[in-house]
Amino acid sequence: MNEPTSTPHAMNFDWRWKPFAALDTKEVYELLAARSAVFVVEQNCAYGDIDGLDLDAWHLLAYATSGERAGLAGYLRVLLPDAADADVRIGRVLTTDGFRGIKLGNALLEQALAHIARQWPGVPVRLHAQAHLQRFYGAFGFEPVSDVHDEDGIPHVWMRSIQRTV
C-alpha cells in the first residue's frame, strides 16, 4: 500500500458528479474496477455488484489530477428517491488503496451531501454502512435505524440522516 503524503485539501482533485448516462466508458470501467478491487478482492466478499441500480443513480468520482498517484481516488453512488423508497440512498462508498489515511472519505461525503442538499433539499438520506464505520458516518449526522446484521458475511447497519434546510 502506498503511504499517504498529504491531505485531500493539499491535493488536486477533479470532482465529477454525473448520472450514469453521462459517464464515459473509461469512467464506468474505472469505477467498476475500483468497486471490485475494494469490495470483492480486498474484503474477500463475493457478491453481485452489478445490481442494475447504477443506471438510475448519480455517481461521484474523485480523480487525483497530479503526481504519480493520478487516477480514481474515491467513489460513491447515490440512488434517487422513487416510488419504492422516498429517501436518497448513498452506497458503494470507497477510497482506492493509494488514497487512504488522508481523510478523502470525509471530503467524499462532504461533496456528496452538498450535492444531495442542492438537488433534493430536505429529503432524508440513508446508507447501509459496515458496522465498524458507524462513528465515521455519525460525524455527518447519520444515526442507526436498524440492528447490526450480516450482509454478505460483513456486519452492516442501516443509518439515516435528516437534511436540515438552511
N, C-alpha and C. Protein backbone atom coordinates (compact mmCIF):
# COMPACT_ATOMS: atom_id res chain seq x y z
N MET A 1 0.84 -1.18 0.00
CA MET A 1 0.00 0.00 0.00
C MET A 1 0.88 1.24 0.00
N ASN A 2 0.50 2.23 -0.78
CA ASN A 2 1.23 3.49 -0.79
C ASN A 2 0.90 4.28 0.46
N GLU A 3 1.91 4.86 1.07
CA GLU A 3 1.68 5.68 2.26
C GLU A 3 1.20 7.06 1.82
N PRO A 4 0.17 7.60 2.48
CA PRO A 4 -0.30 8.93 2.12
C PRO A 4 0.74 9.99 2.50
N THR A 5 0.83 11.02 1.69
CA THR A 5 1.80 12.06 1.96
C THR A 5 1.15 13.42 2.13
N SER A 6 -0.15 13.52 1.94
CA SER A 6 -0.81 14.80 2.08
C SER A 6 -2.29 14.59 2.41
N THR A 7 -3.01 15.68 2.51
CA THR A 7 -4.45 15.62 2.80
C THR A 7 -5.21 15.92 1.52
N PRO A 8 -6.53 15.62 1.50
CA PRO A 8 -7.28 15.93 0.28
C PRO A 8 -7.26 17.42 -0.04
N HIS A 9 -7.13 18.25 0.98
CA HIS A 9 -7.11 19.70 0.74
C HIS A 9 -5.80 20.14 0.10
N ALA A 10 -4.73 19.35 0.30
CA ALA A 10 -3.43 19.70 -0.26
C ALA A 10 -3.24 19.09 -1.65
N MET A 11 -4.11 18.18 -2.03
CA MET A 11 -4.00 17.54 -3.34
C MET A 11 -5.05 18.13 -4.28
N ASN A 12 -4.80 18.00 -5.56
CA ASN A 12 -5.77 18.46 -6.55
C ASN A 12 -6.67 17.30 -6.95
N PHE A 13 -7.98 17.51 -6.78
CA PHE A 13 -8.96 16.50 -7.18
C PHE A 13 -9.92 17.09 -8.19
N ASP A 14 -10.27 16.28 -9.15
CA ASP A 14 -11.30 16.60 -10.13
C ASP A 14 -12.55 15.86 -9.65
N TRP A 15 -13.54 16.60 -9.12
CA TRP A 15 -14.78 16.01 -8.61
C TRP A 15 -15.78 15.93 -9.76
N ARG A 16 -16.23 14.72 -10.06
CA ARG A 16 -17.19 14.52 -11.15
C ARG A 16 -18.48 13.95 -10.58
N TRP A 17 -19.57 14.69 -10.74
CA TRP A 17 -20.90 14.31 -10.25
C TRP A 17 -21.77 14.12 -11.49
N LYS A 18 -22.10 12.85 -11.80
CA LYS A 18 -22.77 12.58 -13.07
C LYS A 18 -23.83 11.49 -12.94
N PRO A 19 -24.91 11.63 -13.73
CA PRO A 19 -25.81 10.48 -13.86
C PRO A 19 -25.11 9.43 -14.72
N PHE A 20 -25.56 8.20 -14.64
CA PHE A 20 -24.89 7.11 -15.35
C PHE A 20 -24.74 7.39 -16.84
N ALA A 21 -25.79 7.91 -17.47
CA ALA A 21 -25.76 8.15 -18.92
C ALA A 21 -24.68 9.14 -19.33
N ALA A 22 -24.24 9.99 -18.41
CA ALA A 22 -23.20 10.98 -18.73
C ALA A 22 -21.78 10.45 -18.49
N LEU A 23 -21.64 9.30 -17.86
CA LEU A 23 -20.32 8.72 -17.65
C LEU A 23 -19.76 8.21 -18.97
N ASP A 24 -18.47 8.41 -19.21
CA ASP A 24 -17.88 7.83 -20.41
C ASP A 24 -17.42 6.40 -20.10
N THR A 25 -17.05 5.67 -21.12
CA THR A 25 -16.71 4.25 -20.92
C THR A 25 -15.51 4.08 -20.00
N LYS A 26 -14.54 4.98 -20.05
CA LYS A 26 -13.38 4.88 -19.17
C LYS A 26 -13.79 5.07 -17.71
N GLU A 27 -14.67 6.03 -17.44
CA GLU A 27 -15.14 6.26 -16.07
C GLU A 27 -15.90 5.04 -15.54
N VAL A 28 -16.76 4.46 -16.38
CA VAL A 28 -17.50 3.26 -15.96
C VAL A 28 -16.53 2.13 -15.65
N TYR A 29 -15.55 1.93 -16.53
CA TYR A 29 -14.56 0.88 -16.32
C TYR A 29 -13.81 1.11 -15.00
N GLU A 30 -13.37 2.36 -14.77
CA GLU A 30 -12.60 2.66 -13.56
C GLU A 30 -13.42 2.50 -12.29
N LEU A 31 -14.67 2.93 -12.31
CA LEU A 31 -15.47 2.81 -11.09
C LEU A 31 -15.80 1.35 -10.80
N LEU A 32 -16.09 0.56 -11.84
CA LEU A 32 -16.36 -0.86 -11.61
C LEU A 32 -15.10 -1.61 -11.16
N ALA A 33 -13.95 -1.23 -11.72
CA ALA A 33 -12.69 -1.85 -11.31
C ALA A 33 -12.39 -1.51 -9.84
N ALA A 34 -12.62 -0.27 -9.44
CA ALA A 34 -12.37 0.14 -8.05
C ALA A 34 -13.31 -0.59 -7.10
N ARG A 35 -14.59 -0.68 -7.47
CA ARG A 35 -15.54 -1.39 -6.61
C ARG A 35 -15.16 -2.85 -6.47
N SER A 36 -14.73 -3.47 -7.54
CA SER A 36 -14.30 -4.86 -7.49
C SER A 36 -13.05 -5.01 -6.62
N ALA A 37 -12.08 -4.13 -6.79
CA ALA A 37 -10.83 -4.20 -6.02
C ALA A 37 -11.11 -4.06 -4.52
N VAL A 38 -11.96 -3.12 -4.15
CA VAL A 38 -12.21 -2.86 -2.74
C VAL A 38 -13.17 -3.87 -2.13
N PHE A 39 -14.35 -4.02 -2.73
CA PHE A 39 -15.40 -4.81 -2.09
C PHE A 39 -15.28 -6.30 -2.33
N VAL A 40 -14.80 -6.71 -3.49
CA VAL A 40 -14.70 -8.14 -3.79
C VAL A 40 -13.34 -8.70 -3.38
N VAL A 41 -12.26 -8.08 -3.86
CA VAL A 41 -10.92 -8.60 -3.62
C VAL A 41 -10.43 -8.30 -2.20
N GLU A 42 -10.33 -7.01 -1.84
CA GLU A 42 -9.80 -6.65 -0.52
C GLU A 42 -10.63 -7.19 0.62
N GLN A 43 -11.95 -7.12 0.47
CA GLN A 43 -12.82 -7.56 1.57
C GLN A 43 -13.23 -9.02 1.43
N ASN A 44 -12.69 -9.68 0.41
CA ASN A 44 -12.94 -11.10 0.19
C ASN A 44 -14.44 -11.41 0.27
N CYS A 45 -15.21 -10.67 -0.51
CA CYS A 45 -16.66 -10.76 -0.44
C CYS A 45 -17.23 -10.96 -1.85
N ALA A 46 -17.64 -12.17 -2.14
CA ALA A 46 -18.26 -12.44 -3.44
C ALA A 46 -19.73 -12.03 -3.38
N TYR A 47 -20.07 -10.99 -4.12
CA TYR A 47 -21.46 -10.51 -4.14
C TYR A 47 -21.75 -9.92 -5.51
N GLY A 48 -23.02 -9.72 -5.82
CA GLY A 48 -23.43 -9.19 -7.11
C GLY A 48 -23.36 -7.67 -7.15
N ASP A 49 -22.20 -7.13 -7.46
CA ASP A 49 -22.03 -5.69 -7.52
C ASP A 49 -22.84 -5.06 -8.64
N ILE A 50 -22.90 -5.73 -9.78
CA ILE A 50 -23.67 -5.21 -10.91
C ILE A 50 -25.13 -5.57 -10.64
N ASP A 51 -25.84 -4.62 -10.00
CA ASP A 51 -27.17 -4.90 -9.48
C ASP A 51 -28.29 -4.19 -10.22
N GLY A 52 -27.97 -3.49 -11.31
CA GLY A 52 -28.99 -2.79 -12.07
C GLY A 52 -29.32 -1.41 -11.54
N LEU A 53 -28.81 -1.05 -10.38
CA LEU A 53 -29.15 0.24 -9.78
C LEU A 53 -28.27 1.38 -10.29
N ASP A 54 -27.13 1.08 -10.87
CA ASP A 54 -26.24 2.12 -11.37
C ASP A 54 -26.88 2.96 -12.47
N LEU A 55 -27.72 2.35 -13.27
CA LEU A 55 -28.29 3.03 -14.43
C LEU A 55 -29.10 4.26 -14.05
N ASP A 56 -29.79 4.24 -12.91
CA ASP A 56 -30.60 5.37 -12.48
C ASP A 56 -29.94 6.18 -11.38
N ALA A 57 -28.71 5.84 -11.02
CA ALA A 57 -28.01 6.52 -9.93
C ALA A 57 -27.18 7.70 -10.45
N TRP A 58 -26.82 8.57 -9.50
CA TRP A 58 -25.81 9.58 -9.74
C TRP A 58 -24.51 9.04 -9.17
N HIS A 59 -23.40 9.40 -9.77
CA HIS A 59 -22.10 8.86 -9.38
C HIS A 59 -21.15 10.02 -9.09
N LEU A 60 -20.47 9.93 -7.95
CA LEU A 60 -19.47 10.92 -7.59
C LEU A 60 -18.10 10.26 -7.67
N LEU A 61 -17.26 10.78 -8.54
CA LEU A 61 -15.91 10.26 -8.73
C LEU A 61 -14.91 11.34 -8.38
N ALA A 62 -13.91 10.99 -7.59
CA ALA A 62 -12.85 11.92 -7.22
C ALA A 62 -11.56 11.44 -7.87
N TYR A 63 -11.07 12.22 -8.81
CA TYR A 63 -9.83 11.88 -9.51
C TYR A 63 -8.70 12.75 -9.01
N ALA A 64 -7.60 12.12 -8.60
CA ALA A 64 -6.37 12.87 -8.31
C ALA A 64 -5.82 13.32 -9.66
N THR A 65 -5.47 14.59 -9.74
CA THR A 65 -5.10 15.14 -11.05
C THR A 65 -3.61 15.35 -11.26
N SER A 66 -2.82 15.08 -10.22
CA SER A 66 -1.39 15.29 -10.40
C SER A 66 -0.60 14.27 -9.61
N GLY A 67 0.67 14.17 -9.93
CA GLY A 67 1.56 13.28 -9.21
C GLY A 67 1.51 11.86 -9.73
N GLU A 68 2.32 11.02 -9.09
CA GLU A 68 2.41 9.63 -9.54
C GLU A 68 1.15 8.83 -9.23
N ARG A 69 0.30 9.36 -8.34
CA ARG A 69 -0.92 8.66 -7.98
C ARG A 69 -2.14 9.19 -8.73
N ALA A 70 -1.97 9.89 -9.82
CA ALA A 70 -3.10 10.42 -10.56
C ALA A 70 -4.02 9.27 -10.97
N GLY A 71 -5.31 9.50 -10.87
CA GLY A 71 -6.31 8.49 -11.22
C GLY A 71 -7.46 8.50 -10.23
N LEU A 72 -8.35 7.52 -10.34
CA LEU A 72 -9.52 7.45 -9.48
C LEU A 72 -9.10 7.23 -8.03
N ALA A 73 -9.46 8.15 -7.17
CA ALA A 73 -9.08 8.10 -5.76
C ALA A 73 -10.25 7.73 -4.86
N GLY A 74 -11.45 8.15 -5.23
CA GLY A 74 -12.63 7.87 -4.42
C GLY A 74 -13.88 7.83 -5.26
N TYR A 75 -14.91 7.19 -4.71
CA TYR A 75 -16.14 6.99 -5.47
C TYR A 75 -17.29 6.71 -4.52
N LEU A 76 -18.48 7.09 -4.95
CA LEU A 76 -19.72 6.63 -4.33
C LEU A 76 -20.85 6.81 -5.33
N ARG A 77 -21.96 6.14 -5.05
CA ARG A 77 -23.14 6.34 -5.90
C ARG A 77 -24.30 6.79 -5.03
N VAL A 78 -25.24 7.49 -5.65
CA VAL A 78 -26.41 7.99 -4.97
C VAL A 78 -27.65 7.52 -5.71
N LEU A 79 -28.50 6.80 -4.98
CA LEU A 79 -29.76 6.33 -5.53
C LEU A 79 -30.85 7.34 -5.20
N LEU A 80 -31.62 7.69 -6.19
CA LEU A 80 -32.63 8.73 -6.06
C LEU A 80 -33.89 8.23 -5.38
N PRO A 81 -34.64 9.15 -4.75
CA PRO A 81 -35.93 8.75 -4.19
C PRO A 81 -36.82 8.26 -5.33
N ASP A 82 -37.65 7.26 -5.05
CA ASP A 82 -38.55 6.74 -6.06
C ASP A 82 -39.82 6.23 -5.37
N ALA A 83 -40.70 5.59 -6.13
CA ALA A 83 -41.97 5.11 -5.58
C ALA A 83 -41.75 4.06 -4.49
N ALA A 84 -40.67 3.30 -4.58
CA ALA A 84 -40.40 2.23 -3.61
C ALA A 84 -39.67 2.74 -2.37
N ASP A 85 -38.97 3.88 -2.48
CA ASP A 85 -38.17 4.38 -1.37
C ASP A 85 -38.06 5.90 -1.47
N ALA A 86 -38.59 6.61 -0.48
CA ALA A 86 -38.63 8.07 -0.52
C ALA A 86 -37.31 8.73 -0.11
N ASP A 87 -36.36 7.96 0.43
CA ASP A 87 -35.07 8.51 0.84
C ASP A 87 -34.07 8.50 -0.31
N VAL A 88 -33.14 9.46 -0.28
CA VAL A 88 -31.95 9.39 -1.11
C VAL A 88 -31.05 8.36 -0.42
N ARG A 89 -30.38 7.49 -1.20
CA ARG A 89 -29.51 6.47 -0.61
C ARG A 89 -28.10 6.58 -1.16
N ILE A 90 -27.14 6.58 -0.25
CA ILE A 90 -25.72 6.62 -0.63
C ILE A 90 -25.18 5.21 -0.52
N GLY A 91 -24.40 4.79 -1.49
CA GLY A 91 -23.82 3.45 -1.43
C GLY A 91 -22.50 3.36 -2.17
N ARG A 92 -21.86 2.20 -2.01
CA ARG A 92 -20.60 1.87 -2.68
C ARG A 92 -19.51 2.90 -2.40
N VAL A 93 -19.49 3.43 -1.19
CA VAL A 93 -18.51 4.45 -0.80
C VAL A 93 -17.13 3.79 -0.68
N LEU A 94 -16.13 4.36 -1.36
CA LEU A 94 -14.79 3.79 -1.28
C LEU A 94 -13.71 4.82 -1.56
N THR A 95 -12.54 4.55 -1.03
CA THR A 95 -11.32 5.23 -1.45
C THR A 95 -10.37 4.15 -1.92
N THR A 96 -9.66 4.43 -2.98
CA THR A 96 -8.76 3.42 -3.52
C THR A 96 -7.49 3.35 -2.67
N ASP A 97 -6.78 2.26 -2.80
CA ASP A 97 -5.68 1.91 -1.93
C ASP A 97 -4.67 3.03 -1.69
N GLY A 98 -4.23 3.70 -2.70
CA GLY A 98 -3.20 4.72 -2.54
C GLY A 98 -3.67 6.02 -1.93
N PHE A 99 -4.97 6.13 -1.59
CA PHE A 99 -5.51 7.39 -1.10
C PHE A 99 -6.16 7.26 0.28
N ARG A 100 -5.85 6.19 0.98
CA ARG A 100 -6.42 6.02 2.32
C ARG A 100 -5.56 6.74 3.34
N GLY A 101 -6.18 7.13 4.43
CA GLY A 101 -5.45 7.77 5.51
C GLY A 101 -5.24 9.26 5.33
N ILE A 102 -5.87 9.87 4.32
CA ILE A 102 -5.72 11.30 4.10
C ILE A 102 -7.06 12.03 4.26
N LYS A 103 -8.04 11.33 4.81
CA LYS A 103 -9.38 11.90 5.04
C LYS A 103 -10.13 12.18 3.74
N LEU A 104 -9.80 11.45 2.70
CA LEU A 104 -10.54 11.59 1.44
C LEU A 104 -11.99 11.14 1.62
N GLY A 105 -12.22 10.14 2.47
CA GLY A 105 -13.60 9.71 2.74
C GLY A 105 -14.45 10.84 3.27
N ASN A 106 -13.88 11.66 4.15
CA ASN A 106 -14.60 12.83 4.67
C ASN A 106 -14.94 13.79 3.53
N ALA A 107 -13.96 14.09 2.69
CA ALA A 107 -14.18 15.00 1.57
C ALA A 107 -15.22 14.45 0.61
N LEU A 108 -15.20 13.15 0.38
CA LEU A 108 -16.17 12.50 -0.50
C LEU A 108 -17.59 12.66 0.04
N LEU A 109 -17.77 12.40 1.36
CA LEU A 109 -19.09 12.55 1.97
C LEU A 109 -19.53 14.01 1.97
N GLU A 110 -18.62 14.93 2.25
CA GLU A 110 -18.96 16.35 2.22
C GLU A 110 -19.46 16.76 0.83
N GLN A 111 -18.73 16.33 -0.20
CA GLN A 111 -19.13 16.64 -1.58
C GLN A 111 -20.50 16.05 -1.89
N ALA A 112 -20.69 14.78 -1.54
CA ALA A 112 -21.95 14.10 -1.84
C ALA A 112 -23.12 14.76 -1.13
N LEU A 113 -22.96 15.03 0.16
CA LEU A 113 -24.06 15.61 0.92
C LEU A 113 -24.40 17.03 0.44
N ALA A 114 -23.40 17.77 0.00
CA ALA A 114 -23.66 19.10 -0.57
C ALA A 114 -24.46 18.99 -1.87
N HIS A 115 -24.08 18.04 -2.73
CA HIS A 115 -24.83 17.83 -3.98
C HIS A 115 -26.26 17.39 -3.68
N ILE A 116 -26.41 16.46 -2.76
CA ILE A 116 -27.74 15.95 -2.40
C ILE A 116 -28.61 17.09 -1.87
N ALA A 117 -28.06 17.93 -1.00
CA ALA A 117 -28.82 19.04 -0.43
C ALA A 117 -29.29 20.01 -1.52
N ARG A 118 -28.46 20.20 -2.55
CA ARG A 118 -28.84 21.09 -3.65
C ARG A 118 -29.88 20.45 -4.55
N GLN A 119 -29.73 19.16 -4.85
CA GLN A 119 -30.62 18.51 -5.80
C GLN A 119 -31.91 17.99 -5.17
N TRP A 120 -31.85 17.57 -3.91
CA TRP A 120 -33.03 17.02 -3.23
C TRP A 120 -33.14 17.62 -1.84
N PRO A 121 -33.37 18.93 -1.75
CA PRO A 121 -33.37 19.59 -0.44
C PRO A 121 -34.43 19.00 0.49
N GLY A 122 -34.03 18.78 1.74
CA GLY A 122 -34.95 18.30 2.76
C GLY A 122 -35.27 16.82 2.72
N VAL A 123 -34.78 16.10 1.71
CA VAL A 123 -35.07 14.67 1.60
C VAL A 123 -34.11 13.90 2.52
N PRO A 124 -34.64 13.00 3.37
CA PRO A 124 -33.74 12.21 4.23
C PRO A 124 -32.76 11.38 3.40
N VAL A 125 -31.59 11.14 3.97
CA VAL A 125 -30.54 10.38 3.30
C VAL A 125 -30.26 9.14 4.15
N ARG A 126 -30.16 8.00 3.48
CA ARG A 126 -29.92 6.74 4.17
C ARG A 126 -28.74 6.02 3.53
N LEU A 127 -28.05 5.23 4.32
CA LEU A 127 -26.97 4.40 3.78
C LEU A 127 -26.88 3.10 4.56
N HIS A 128 -26.31 2.11 3.93
CA HIS A 128 -26.12 0.78 4.52
C HIS A 128 -24.65 0.66 4.83
N ALA A 129 -24.29 0.98 6.07
CA ALA A 129 -22.88 1.09 6.45
C ALA A 129 -22.34 -0.21 7.02
N GLN A 130 -21.07 -0.46 6.76
CA GLN A 130 -20.40 -1.51 7.51
C GLN A 130 -20.40 -1.06 8.96
N ALA A 131 -20.75 -1.97 9.86
CA ALA A 131 -20.99 -1.61 11.26
C ALA A 131 -19.82 -0.88 11.90
N HIS A 132 -18.59 -1.23 11.53
CA HIS A 132 -17.44 -0.56 12.16
C HIS A 132 -17.28 0.90 11.73
N LEU A 133 -18.07 1.34 10.75
CA LEU A 133 -17.99 2.73 10.27
C LEU A 133 -19.10 3.62 10.83
N GLN A 134 -19.83 3.14 11.83
CA GLN A 134 -20.92 3.94 12.39
C GLN A 134 -20.45 5.29 12.91
N ARG A 135 -19.32 5.30 13.57
CA ARG A 135 -18.81 6.56 14.12
C ARG A 135 -18.44 7.53 13.00
N PHE A 136 -17.82 7.02 11.94
CA PHE A 136 -17.47 7.85 10.79
C PHE A 136 -18.73 8.52 10.23
N TYR A 137 -19.76 7.73 9.91
CA TYR A 137 -20.98 8.29 9.34
C TYR A 137 -21.75 9.13 10.36
N GLY A 138 -21.65 8.78 11.63
CA GLY A 138 -22.29 9.56 12.68
C GLY A 138 -21.79 11.00 12.70
N ALA A 139 -20.52 11.20 12.35
CA ALA A 139 -19.96 12.55 12.31
C ALA A 139 -20.63 13.41 11.24
N PHE A 140 -21.33 12.79 10.30
CA PHE A 140 -22.05 13.50 9.25
C PHE A 140 -23.55 13.56 9.52
N GLY A 141 -23.95 13.21 10.74
CA GLY A 141 -25.36 13.30 11.12
C GLY A 141 -26.17 12.04 10.93
N PHE A 142 -25.53 10.94 10.55
CA PHE A 142 -26.26 9.69 10.36
C PHE A 142 -26.42 8.97 11.69
N GLU A 143 -27.61 8.40 11.90
CA GLU A 143 -27.91 7.63 13.10
C GLU A 143 -28.40 6.25 12.70
N PRO A 144 -28.07 5.21 13.47
CA PRO A 144 -28.54 3.86 13.14
C PRO A 144 -30.07 3.79 13.18
N VAL A 145 -30.64 3.10 12.21
CA VAL A 145 -32.10 2.89 12.18
C VAL A 145 -32.42 1.40 12.07
N SER A 146 -31.41 0.55 12.27
CA SER A 146 -31.62 -0.89 12.28
C SER A 146 -30.63 -1.51 13.25
N ASP A 147 -30.84 -2.76 13.54
CA ASP A 147 -29.85 -3.51 14.30
C ASP A 147 -28.71 -3.87 13.36
N VAL A 148 -27.57 -4.21 13.92
CA VAL A 148 -26.45 -4.71 13.13
C VAL A 148 -26.85 -6.08 12.61
N HIS A 149 -26.60 -6.32 11.34
CA HIS A 149 -26.98 -7.58 10.70
C HIS A 149 -25.91 -7.97 9.68
N ASP A 150 -25.94 -9.22 9.27
CA ASP A 150 -24.97 -9.75 8.31
C ASP A 150 -25.41 -9.43 6.89
N GLU A 151 -24.48 -8.91 6.12
CA GLU A 151 -24.70 -8.68 4.69
C GLU A 151 -23.49 -9.22 3.97
N ASP A 152 -23.63 -10.34 3.31
CA ASP A 152 -22.54 -10.97 2.57
C ASP A 152 -21.32 -11.24 3.46
N GLY A 153 -21.59 -11.64 4.71
CA GLY A 153 -20.52 -12.01 5.62
C GLY A 153 -19.86 -10.84 6.36
N ILE A 154 -20.41 -9.63 6.20
CA ILE A 154 -19.87 -8.44 6.86
C ILE A 154 -20.98 -7.78 7.67
N PRO A 155 -20.74 -7.46 8.96
CA PRO A 155 -21.76 -6.78 9.76
C PRO A 155 -22.06 -5.39 9.18
N HIS A 156 -23.34 -5.12 8.98
CA HIS A 156 -23.82 -3.84 8.44
C HIS A 156 -24.92 -3.29 9.33
N VAL A 157 -25.21 -2.00 9.14
CA VAL A 157 -26.31 -1.34 9.82
C VAL A 157 -26.86 -0.25 8.89
N TRP A 158 -28.19 -0.11 8.86
CA TRP A 158 -28.80 0.98 8.12
C TRP A 158 -28.69 2.24 8.96
N MET A 159 -28.31 3.35 8.35
CA MET A 159 -28.19 4.64 9.03
C MET A 159 -28.93 5.68 8.21
N ARG A 160 -29.47 6.69 8.92
CA ARG A 160 -30.28 7.72 8.24
C ARG A 160 -29.95 9.09 8.81
N SER A 161 -30.06 10.09 7.95
CA SER A 161 -29.84 11.48 8.34
C SER A 161 -30.97 12.32 7.76
N ILE A 162 -31.48 13.21 8.56
CA ILE A 162 -32.49 14.15 8.09
C ILE A 162 -31.77 15.43 7.71
N GLN A 163 -31.92 15.85 6.45
CA GLN A 163 -31.26 17.08 6.00
C GLN A 163 -31.88 18.28 6.69
N ARG A 164 -31.05 19.16 7.12
CA ARG A 164 -31.51 20.41 7.71
C ARG A 164 -31.53 21.46 6.61
N THR A 165 -32.65 22.14 6.46
CA THR A 165 -32.70 23.19 5.45
C THR A 165 -32.15 24.47 6.07
N VAL A 166 -31.40 25.19 5.26
CA VAL A 166 -30.77 26.42 5.75
C VAL A 166 -31.41 27.63 5.15
